[in-house]
Each structure stands twice: as C-alpha cells, then as structure tokens.
C-alpha cells in the first residue's frame, strides 16, 4: 500500500456523518466530494445521506481503480 492509500483509508475524527467524503450541508442536504491529486472534486448535493454515500462510492471506483 502507498502512503496515499493509507491516508485515504484513515478515519477522520471530525466527520459528523460517519461516511468518508460526505458532509452535512446547510439546509439539511448532504454534500459529497472526493480528493484526487490534491484537488477536491465536488460530486453534488443530495437529499439523503445514502445518495451522497453512493455518489462517493461510485467516484472511488471511477478515480481510484483506474490508476
């Protein structure tokens, strides 16, 4: 495993949702994002935490497995 993979897999203590890359957005919506080569990519705003989590998982497949 590379250092980047190890850092990506660490649990963040400040995460309030319990899902990596998913944050609570003002207004009760959920934001999903992923960081690739030190750049944040916004995946969208979602009405449910499950939708945001699924968007994050799909982005992980797209960006991390293509390397």
Protein backbone atom coordinates (compact mmCIF):
# COMPACT_ATOMS: atom_id res chain seq x y z
CA UNK A 1 0.00 0.00 0.00
CA UNK A 2 1.18 3.50 -0.78
CA UNK A 3 1.18 6.40 1.67
CA UNK A 4 -1.70 7.99 -0.26
CA UNK A 5 -3.80 4.83 0.06
CA UNK A 6 -3.10 4.66 3.79
CA UNK A 7 -4.10 8.31 4.27
CA UNK A 8 -7.25 7.80 2.20
CA UNK A 9 -8.31 4.91 4.45
CA UNK A 10 -7.87 6.73 7.76
CA UNK A 11 -10.97 7.54 9.77
CA UNK A 12 -11.48 11.27 10.25
CA UNK A 13 -12.45 12.31 13.76
CA UNK A 14 -14.16 15.50 12.57
CA UNK A 15 -16.55 13.63 10.24
CA UNK A 16 -20.10 14.03 11.60
CA UNK A 17 -21.84 11.77 9.06
CA UNK A 18 -19.79 8.62 9.52
CA UNK A 19 -19.12 8.40 5.76
CA UNK A 20 -15.85 9.45 4.15
CA UNK A 21 -16.33 12.36 1.74
CA UNK A 22 -19.88 13.13 2.88
CA UNK A 23 -20.72 16.28 4.84
CA UNK A 24 -23.89 17.86 6.16
CA UNK A 25 -24.68 20.96 4.14
CA UNK A 26 -26.75 23.89 5.45
CA UNK A 27 -30.43 23.32 4.81
CA UNK A 28 -30.38 19.62 5.71
CA UNK A 29 -28.82 18.39 2.48
CA UNK A 30 -25.68 16.33 2.09
CA UNK A 31 -22.58 17.15 0.08
CA UNK A 32 -20.29 14.51 -1.44
CA UNK A 33 -16.72 15.13 -2.51
CA UNK A 34 -13.52 13.30 -3.33
CA UNK A 35 -9.91 14.47 -3.48
CA UNK A 36 -7.78 13.40 -6.45
CA UNK A 37 -4.15 14.51 -6.75
CA UNK A 38 -4.68 17.14 -4.01
CA UNK A 39 -7.72 18.63 -5.81
CA UNK A 40 -11.24 18.44 -4.37
CA UNK A 41 -13.95 17.34 -6.77
CA UNK A 42 -17.49 18.24 -5.72
CA UNK A 43 -19.84 15.37 -6.55
CA UNK A 44 -23.08 17.17 -5.79
CA UNK A 45 -25.74 17.91 -3.19
CA UNK A 46 -28.14 15.15 -2.21
CA UNK A 47 -31.36 14.93 -0.23
CA UNK A 48 -30.31 11.83 1.72
CA UNK A 49 -27.08 10.66 3.26
CA UNK A 50 -27.40 7.35 1.39
CA UNK A 51 -27.49 9.10 -2.00
CA UNK A 52 -24.38 11.12 -1.12
CA UNK A 53 -22.60 8.00 0.10
CA UNK A 54 -23.44 6.10 -3.10
CA UNK A 55 -22.11 9.01 -5.22
CA UNK A 56 -18.87 8.91 -3.23
CA UNK A 57 -18.53 5.13 -3.70
CA UNK A 58 -19.07 5.44 -7.45
CA UNK A 59 -16.44 8.19 -7.62
CA UNK A 60 -13.98 5.99 -5.70
CA UNK A 61 -14.46 3.23 -8.28
CA UNK A 62 -14.02 5.69 -11.13
CA UNK A 63 -10.97 7.55 -9.84
CA UNK A 64 -9.11 5.12 -7.56
CA UNK A 65 -9.46 1.88 -9.51
CA UNK A 66 -8.43 3.46 -12.81
CA UNK A 67 -4.88 4.08 -11.52
